[in-house]
Amino acid sequence: MGRAKVVVYGLSTEGYAIASQMAIKGADVHIIDESTPSAISLNAEIAKTYPNVSSLKEDEPLLAMVPIDVAISKTQYLFFAPRIRKTGQDTKTEIHSKFKDAISSLKKKSAVVFTLPTGFGENNENISFLEHVTGLEVGKQISYFYYPLEDSNQQPKIIGSFTGKEDSTLSDLLATGKKKKKFVAISSSEHFHAIDILSRFSGLCSILEVCKYVQDDITKNDLSSDDFQNIFLDNMVGGLFDLKSLGASFEGANTLMYLINGSVKGVDVYIKRLIDVIRSTLKKNDLKASRTRIALSWTLDQHSMRGDKIEMLQNLTSRLRDYLGNVEAYEDPNPDLFHSDKTTIVVACSQNDFNHVEKAKQNSNLIIVKANPLCEIIH
């Protein structure tokens, strides 16, 4: 394959994962941490030693660095994989600003691989912007690809290509095992991603809405033995960024917007129900607010490209504080956290967090609320 020159813009979990994969394959890889003025050289040895961004940041090994503009001007492939933390209308502005930083030093015969999820037609906007900033014509002097990375560490099977044609070097860089990627037109890849996201949320919201109507214990017990009891808030929120990006590309009312808005509302209604369950748990157990605390156990990936889970945790924390002053969020809960003279209601927001909390449940003053579709309570 030769040593393809690659720059990944964004020291995100998803960006680091593909950067490591390409470095191990022998590519000449640099990754840009947006908070520093330099591009880090990532070789196979470093990629194998540090499996993720957290381990790399904790150890802070001495790594070779070059100025960002130098790395980008020499690259063949620029992967755009930044961490986005703004919300609402500000999201697009943040993406736009970072994209400009990333592409300003690109030269002829290079290629941009856009890995953030977009709505319909947004890649056309990116292409126009790329041509405006670089002065290069996409499809002739510079290439553009769309490869929306998922937050589940699963990589897409297809790559959107401006020309619709395969790029054999890019295909080799991103191949997993012997499986090569399929290249399709940009608009086709946007539609494939939209189908994936909408299918996931339609199924999820069907489960959430049906479980809302479960009243009696027999039904609850029967349903709790099914697979979907392992769906937690962490799973529900994953992909909300993609869904909202898709919704932002439409105006007016149509069936697709109905599906998108219904899914966003479905998750919001679930949050309200979870808060109601926590409030009713206080009442049922005659717990005084002054003698009770709520611990939200949700271990989040702070390096993810998407900030939807971080935003949801902040939202849930502030909404619960409207009812009870003592609300804190915890990651990797330590059993000592739960030893207190107050009754602690622990809300487990992911399967891993629930497993941690269950191990720590030696304390009799502990009530666990599973943030799953049934909002199960364990005393």
Protein backbone atom coordinates (compact mmCIF):
# COMPACT_ATOMS: atom_id res chain seq x y z
CA MET A 1 0.00 0.00 0.00
CA GLY A 2 2.97 2.35 0.59
CA ARG A 3 2.93 4.81 3.44
CA ALA A 4 -0.23 6.82 2.99
CA LYS A 5 -0.08 10.17 4.81
CA VAL A 6 -3.08 10.65 7.08
CA VAL A 7 -4.17 13.41 9.48
CA VAL A 8 -7.07 12.92 11.88
CA TYR A 9 -8.47 16.26 13.10
CA GLY A 10 -9.83 15.67 16.60
CA LEU A 11 -8.46 13.66 19.51
CA SER A 12 -11.86 12.04 19.95
CA THR A 13 -12.56 8.40 20.84
CA GLU A 14 -13.78 7.68 17.31
CA GLY A 15 -10.94 9.65 15.68
CA TYR A 16 -8.29 7.91 17.76
CA ALA A 17 -9.78 4.48 16.98
CA ILE A 18 -9.45 4.92 13.21
CA ALA A 19 -6.08 6.70 13.57
CA SER A 20 -4.76 3.70 15.55
CA GLN A 21 -6.19 1.24 13.03
CA MET A 22 -4.43 3.05 10.15
CA ALA A 23 -1.15 3.46 12.10
CA ILE A 24 -1.06 -0.29 12.84
CA LYS A 25 -1.51 -0.90 9.09
CA GLY A 26 1.64 1.15 8.46
CA ALA A 27 0.22 4.52 7.45
CA ASP A 28 2.02 7.75 8.38
CA VAL A 29 -0.55 9.13 10.84
CA HIS A 30 -0.84 12.43 12.73
CA ILE A 31 -3.71 13.23 15.06
CA ILE A 32 -4.66 16.77 16.06
CA ASP A 33 -5.73 17.57 19.61
CA GLU A 34 -7.86 20.69 19.07
CA SER A 35 -6.66 22.18 22.38
CA THR A 36 -2.99 22.26 21.32
CA PRO A 37 -1.19 23.91 18.36
CA SER A 38 0.54 20.69 17.28
CA ALA A 39 -0.24 17.45 15.45
CA ILE A 40 0.84 14.29 17.30
CA SER A 41 2.69 11.60 15.35
CA LEU A 42 0.97 8.25 15.98
CA ASN A 43 2.94 5.13 15.12
CA ALA A 44 1.99 1.45 15.38
CA GLU A 45 3.84 0.98 18.69
CA ILE A 46 2.00 3.87 20.39
CA ALA A 47 -1.34 2.72 18.92
CA LYS A 48 -0.83 -0.80 20.31
CA THR A 49 0.35 0.49 23.72
CA TYR A 50 -2.55 2.90 24.22
CA PRO A 51 -5.89 1.34 23.23
CA ASN A 52 -7.87 4.57 23.72
CA VAL A 53 -7.60 8.34 24.25
CA SER A 54 -7.97 8.11 28.05
CA SER A 55 -4.95 5.80 28.42
CA LEU A 56 -2.89 8.06 26.13
CA LYS A 57 -3.83 11.22 28.04
CA GLU A 58 -3.28 9.63 31.47
CA ASP A 59 0.24 8.46 30.64
CA GLU A 60 1.25 11.54 28.61
CA PRO A 61 4.06 9.78 26.70
CA LEU A 62 6.62 11.91 24.87
CA LEU A 63 5.38 11.98 21.29
CA ALA A 64 6.86 13.55 18.18
CA MET A 65 4.89 16.62 17.08
CA VAL A 66 4.73 18.93 14.08
CA PRO A 67 2.82 22.21 13.56
CA ILE A 68 -0.80 21.60 12.53
CA ASP A 69 -0.60 23.49 9.22
CA VAL A 70 2.54 21.55 8.22
CA ALA A 71 0.88 18.16 8.91
CA ILE A 72 -2.30 19.13 7.02
CA SER A 73 -0.45 20.60 4.03
CA LYS A 74 1.43 17.30 3.55
CA THR A 75 -1.47 14.92 4.10
CA GLN A 76 -3.23 12.77 1.51
CA TYR A 77 -6.26 12.08 3.69
CA LEU A 78 -7.74 14.41 6.29
CA PHE A 79 -10.29 12.76 8.60
CA PHE A 80 -12.53 15.31 10.30
CA ALA A 81 -13.48 13.80 13.70
CA PRO A 82 -13.71 16.64 16.27
CA ARG A 83 -15.41 16.66 19.66
CA ILE A 84 -18.60 18.74 19.42
CA ARG A 85 -19.90 20.09 22.72
CA LYS A 86 -22.23 22.95 21.74
CA THR A 87 -25.95 22.22 21.57
CA GLY A 88 -28.98 23.41 19.62
CA GLN A 89 -28.36 26.11 17.00
CA ASP A 90 -24.75 26.53 18.19
CA THR A 91 -23.82 23.00 17.04
CA LYS A 92 -23.62 23.95 13.37
CA THR A 93 -21.52 27.04 14.15
CA GLU A 94 -19.02 24.96 16.14
CA ILE A 95 -18.75 22.34 13.38
CA HIS A 96 -18.32 25.08 10.74
CA SER A 97 -15.58 26.81 12.74
CA LYS A 98 -13.62 23.58 13.36
CA PHE A 99 -14.04 22.45 9.76
CA LYS A 100 -12.53 25.73 8.56
CA ASP A 101 -9.52 25.23 10.89
CA ALA A 102 -9.08 21.68 9.61
CA ILE A 103 -9.18 22.37 5.86
CA SER A 104 -7.41 25.75 5.54
CA SER A 105 -3.96 24.29 4.79
CA LEU A 106 -5.02 21.49 2.40
CA LYS A 107 -3.23 21.15 -0.92
CA LYS A 108 -4.12 19.65 -4.33
CA LYS A 109 -4.68 15.89 -4.64
CA SER A 110 -5.65 15.52 -0.97
CA ALA A 111 -8.96 14.14 0.29
CA VAL A 112 -11.34 15.10 3.11
CA VAL A 113 -13.21 12.36 4.98
CA PHE A 114 -16.08 13.89 6.98
CA THR A 115 -16.95 11.56 9.87
CA LEU A 116 -19.60 13.55 11.78
CA PRO A 117 -23.23 12.61 11.02
CA THR A 118 -25.13 15.09 8.85
CA GLY A 119 -28.68 15.64 7.65
CA PHE A 120 -29.77 15.50 4.01
CA GLY A 121 -27.83 17.86 1.75
CA GLU A 122 -25.38 19.02 4.42
CA ASN A 123 -22.44 17.37 2.67
CA ASN A 124 -23.19 19.57 -0.35
CA GLU A 125 -22.81 22.59 1.95
CA ASN A 126 -19.52 21.15 3.27
CA ILE A 127 -18.28 20.65 -0.31
CA SER A 128 -19.12 24.26 -1.28
CA PHE A 129 -17.38 25.49 1.87
CA LEU A 130 -14.33 23.30 1.16
CA GLU A 131 -14.05 24.76 -2.36
CA HIS A 132 -14.50 28.31 -1.03
CA VAL A 133 -11.80 27.96 1.68
CA THR A 134 -9.19 26.03 -0.35
CA GLY A 135 -9.90 27.40 -3.85
CA LEU A 136 -9.75 23.78 -5.10
CA GLU A 137 -12.49 22.06 -7.10
CA VAL A 138 -13.94 18.95 -5.45
CA GLY A 139 -13.87 15.92 -7.77
CA LYS A 140 -10.94 17.30 -9.78
CA GLN A 141 -8.25 18.85 -7.57
CA ILE A 142 -9.46 17.59 -4.17
CA SER A 143 -11.66 14.67 -3.06
CA TYR A 144 -14.49 14.48 -0.51
CA PHE A 145 -15.91 11.44 1.32
CA TYR A 146 -18.64 10.96 3.93
CA TYR A 147 -18.05 8.29 6.58
CA PRO A 148 -20.27 8.90 9.64
CA LEU A 149 -18.60 7.15 12.59
CA GLU A 150 -20.89 5.70 15.25
CA ASP A 151 -20.42 6.13 18.99
CA SER A 152 -20.66 2.35 19.46
CA ASN A 153 -17.17 1.84 17.96
CA GLN A 154 -18.78 0.06 15.01
CA GLN A 155 -17.59 1.48 11.73
CA PRO A 156 -19.94 2.05 8.77
CA LYS A 157 -19.93 -0.54 5.99
CA ILE A 158 -20.21 2.11 3.29
CA ILE A 159 -18.38 5.30 2.31
CA GLY A 160 -20.06 8.18 0.51
CA SER A 161 -17.90 9.41 -2.36
CA PHE A 162 -18.39 12.69 -4.27
CA THR A 163 -17.65 10.93 -7.56
CA GLY A 164 -19.35 7.70 -6.43
CA LYS A 165 -16.11 5.91 -7.33
CA GLU A 166 -13.94 3.76 -5.09
CA ASP A 167 -10.65 5.05 -3.69
CA SER A 168 -8.53 1.92 -3.33
CA THR A 169 -6.03 3.45 -0.85
CA LEU A 170 -8.83 4.72 1.41
CA SER A 171 -10.55 1.36 1.09
CA ASP A 172 -7.38 -0.42 2.28
CA LEU A 173 -6.89 2.05 5.16
CA LEU A 174 -10.42 1.49 6.48
CA ALA A 175 -10.84 -2.22 5.69
CA THR A 176 -11.46 -4.41 8.73
CA GLY A 177 -9.98 -7.84 8.18
CA LYS A 178 -10.70 -8.88 4.60
CA LYS A 179 -13.92 -6.85 4.48
CA LYS A 180 -13.61 -3.89 2.15
CA LYS A 181 -15.92 -0.89 2.28
CA LYS A 182 -18.56 -0.25 -0.34
CA PHE A 183 -18.41 3.16 -2.05
CA VAL A 184 -21.67 4.90 -2.97
CA ALA A 185 -22.77 8.43 -3.92
CA ILE A 186 -22.79 11.02 -1.09
CA SER A 187 -26.59 11.38 -1.13
CA SER A 188 -26.98 7.57 -0.97
CA SER A 189 -24.75 7.38 2.13
CA GLU A 190 -26.81 10.17 3.79
CA HIS A 191 -29.97 8.15 3.14
CA PHE A 192 -28.44 4.90 4.42
CA HIS A 193 -27.37 6.61 7.65
CA ALA A 194 -30.84 8.19 8.05
CA ILE A 195 -32.48 4.75 7.69
CA ASP A 196 -30.13 3.26 10.33
CA ILE A 197 -30.82 6.04 12.86
CA LEU A 198 -34.58 6.19 12.30
CA SER A 199 -34.91 2.39 12.48
CA ARG A 200 -33.04 2.34 15.78
CA PHE A 201 -35.11 5.11 17.36
CA SER A 202 -38.46 3.88 16.01
CA GLY A 203 -37.81 0.51 17.65
CA LEU A 204 -36.59 2.11 20.88
CA CYS A 205 -39.52 4.51 21.19
CA SER A 206 -42.01 1.68 20.56
CA ILE A 207 -40.54 -0.13 23.58
CA LEU A 208 -40.52 3.03 25.75
CA GLU A 209 -44.12 3.93 24.90
CA VAL A 210 -45.50 0.41 25.51
CA CYS A 211 -43.62 0.07 28.82
CA LYS A 212 -45.20 3.34 29.97
CA TYR A 213 -48.53 1.49 30.24
CA VAL A 214 -47.26 -1.40 32.39
CA GLN A 215 -49.07 -1.08 35.75
CA ASP A 216 -49.29 -4.49 37.42
CA ASP A 217 -46.40 -6.47 38.92
CA ILE A 218 -47.09 -9.67 36.96
CA THR A 219 -46.70 -7.89 33.59
CA LYS A 220 -43.69 -6.01 34.90
CA ASN A 221 -42.02 -9.26 36.01
CA ASP A 222 -42.76 -10.98 32.70
CA LEU A 223 -41.45 -8.06 30.67
CA SER A 224 -38.37 -7.61 32.86
CA SER A 225 -37.14 -11.06 31.81
CA ASP A 226 -36.95 -9.91 28.20
CA ASP A 227 -33.89 -8.56 26.39
CA PHE A 228 -35.02 -4.95 26.37
CA GLN A 229 -34.63 -4.66 30.14
CA ASN A 230 -30.92 -4.36 29.26
CA ILE A 231 -31.60 -1.14 27.32
CA PHE A 232 -30.49 1.69 29.61
CA LEU A 233 -30.58 5.48 29.33
CA ASP A 234 -27.03 5.29 27.93
CA ASN A 235 -28.34 3.28 24.94
CA MET A 236 -31.39 5.53 24.50
CA VAL A 237 -29.37 8.73 24.19
CA GLY A 238 -26.68 7.31 21.88
CA GLY A 239 -27.41 8.68 18.41
CA LEU A 240 -29.63 11.61 19.48
CA PHE A 241 -27.01 13.91 17.93
CA ASP A 242 -27.48 12.10 14.58
CA LEU A 243 -31.26 12.26 14.86
CA LYS A 244 -31.27 16.00 15.59
CA SER A 245 -28.79 16.62 12.72
CA LEU A 246 -31.21 14.84 10.41
CA GLY A 247 -34.15 16.88 11.74
CA ALA A 248 -32.25 20.16 11.23
CA SER A 249 -32.06 19.51 7.47
CA PHE A 250 -35.87 19.69 7.04
CA GLU A 251 -38.34 22.53 7.16
CA GLY A 252 -42.09 22.29 7.63
CA ALA A 253 -44.18 19.27 8.50
CA ASN A 254 -43.86 15.90 6.79
CA THR A 255 -44.00 12.27 7.84
CA LEU A 256 -40.24 12.02 8.26
CA MET A 257 -40.20 15.04 10.60
CA TYR A 258 -43.06 13.42 12.49
CA LEU A 259 -40.89 10.33 13.02
CA ILE A 260 -37.83 12.39 14.03
CA ASN A 261 -39.70 14.71 16.42
CA GLY A 262 -41.65 11.76 17.83
CA SER A 263 -38.40 9.96 18.62
CA VAL A 264 -36.81 13.02 20.27
CA LYS A 265 -40.02 13.52 22.29
CA GLY A 266 -40.13 9.80 23.16
CA VAL A 267 -36.76 10.06 24.91
CA ASP A 268 -37.80 13.30 26.67
CA VAL A 269 -41.06 11.70 27.90
CA TYR A 270 -39.00 8.80 29.24
CA ILE A 271 -36.80 11.25 31.23
CA LYS A 272 -39.96 12.77 32.77
CA ARG A 273 -41.19 9.28 33.68
CA LEU A 274 -37.83 8.39 35.27
CA ILE A 275 -38.01 11.57 37.40
CA ASP A 276 -41.61 10.71 38.40
CA VAL A 277 -40.51 7.20 39.46
CA ILE A 278 -37.74 8.69 41.64
CA ARG A 279 -40.21 11.12 43.21
CA SER A 280 -42.79 8.39 43.89
CA THR A 281 -40.01 6.23 45.43
CA LEU A 282 -39.39 9.01 47.95
CA LYS A 283 -43.11 9.14 48.79
CA LYS A 284 -43.64 5.36 48.99
CA ASN A 285 -40.71 4.99 51.37
CA ASP A 286 -41.62 8.08 53.44
CA LEU A 287 -38.23 9.56 52.72
CA LYS A 288 -37.61 13.17 53.71
CA ALA A 289 -35.73 15.28 51.19
CA SER A 290 -33.25 16.40 53.88
CA ARG A 291 -32.40 12.77 54.73
CA THR A 292 -32.09 11.53 51.14
CA ARG A 293 -29.61 11.92 48.33
CA ILE A 294 -29.68 10.90 44.69
CA ALA A 295 -26.59 9.47 43.03
CA LEU A 296 -26.71 9.36 39.23
CA SER A 297 -24.35 6.59 38.20
CA TRP A 298 -23.39 7.17 34.56
CA THR A 299 -19.84 6.56 33.36
CA LEU A 300 -19.45 8.69 30.26
CA ASP A 301 -16.87 8.87 27.51
CA GLN A 302 -15.63 12.45 27.80
CA HIS A 303 -13.71 12.12 24.52
CA SER A 304 -16.64 11.11 22.29
CA MET A 305 -17.31 13.21 19.17
CA ARG A 306 -20.91 13.65 20.27
CA GLY A 307 -21.82 15.53 23.43
CA ASP A 308 -25.42 14.26 23.66
CA LYS A 309 -24.85 12.01 26.70
CA ILE A 310 -22.94 14.71 28.62
CA GLU A 311 -25.76 17.15 27.86
CA MET A 312 -28.42 14.64 28.97
CA LEU A 313 -26.64 13.98 32.28
CA GLN A 314 -26.48 17.73 33.00
CA ASN A 315 -30.16 18.07 32.05
CA LEU A 316 -31.23 15.14 34.29
CA THR A 317 -29.12 16.42 37.21
CA SER A 318 -30.61 19.93 37.09
CA ARG A 319 -34.19 18.63 36.71
CA LEU A 320 -33.80 16.35 39.74
CA ARG A 321 -32.31 19.21 41.77
CA ASP A 322 -35.63 21.04 41.31
CA TYR A 323 -37.13 18.39 43.64
CA LEU A 324 -34.19 17.43 45.83
CA GLY A 325 -31.10 19.50 46.59
CA ASN A 326 -28.68 16.63 47.10
CA VAL A 327 -28.14 15.23 43.59
CA GLU A 328 -24.71 14.21 42.31
CA ALA A 329 -23.42 12.38 39.25
CA TYR A 330 -20.80 9.64 39.66
CA GLU A 331 -18.58 7.68 37.29
CA ASP A 332 -17.31 4.18 38.18
CA PRO A 333 -19.08 4.37 41.55
CA ASN A 334 -16.87 3.46 44.48
CA PRO A 335 -18.73 1.45 47.17
CA ASP A 336 -17.56 4.00 49.79
CA LEU A 337 -19.65 6.68 48.08
CA PHE A 338 -22.80 4.95 49.21
CA HIS A 339 -21.92 4.69 52.90
CA SER A 340 -23.80 7.62 54.33
CA ASP A 341 -26.21 8.49 57.13
CA LYS A 342 -28.66 9.46 54.39
CA THR A 343 -30.76 7.10 52.31
CA THR A 344 -29.24 6.98 48.85
CA ILE A 345 -31.25 6.44 45.68
CA VAL A 346 -28.82 5.35 42.98
CA VAL A 347 -29.99 5.75 39.39
CA ALA A 348 -28.04 3.30 37.22
CA CYS A 349 -27.87 4.77 33.71
CA SER A 350 -25.97 1.99 31.91
CA GLN A 351 -25.54 -1.78 32.20
CA ASN A 352 -21.93 -1.39 33.40
CA ASP A 353 -22.93 1.18 36.01
CA PHE A 354 -25.73 -1.10 37.21
CA ASN A 355 -23.25 -4.00 37.59
CA HIS A 356 -20.92 -1.72 39.63
CA VAL A 357 -23.76 -0.48 41.84
CA GLU A 358 -25.12 -3.98 42.45
CA LYS A 359 -21.70 -5.08 43.71
CA ALA A 360 -21.64 -2.06 46.04
CA LYS A 361 -25.10 -2.77 47.46
CA GLN A 362 -23.93 -3.96 50.88
CA ASN A 363 -25.38 -0.79 52.28
CA SER A 364 -28.97 -1.33 53.44
CA ASN A 365 -29.76 2.37 52.91
CA LEU A 366 -29.48 1.91 49.16
CA ILE A 367 -32.34 1.93 46.67
CA ILE A 368 -31.43 1.28 43.03
CA VAL A 369 -33.49 2.66 40.15
CA LYS A 370 -32.61 1.01 36.86
CA ALA A 371 -32.90 3.63 34.11
CA ASN A 372 -34.31 1.07 31.70
CA PRO A 373 -37.71 1.05 29.89
CA LEU A 374 -39.48 -0.38 32.97
CA CYS A 375 -37.72 1.93 35.48
CA GLU A 376 -37.27 -1.06 37.81
CA ILE A 377 -36.65 -0.37 41.50
CA ILE A 378 -34.40 -2.67 43.54
CA HIS A 379 -34.37 -2.35 47.34
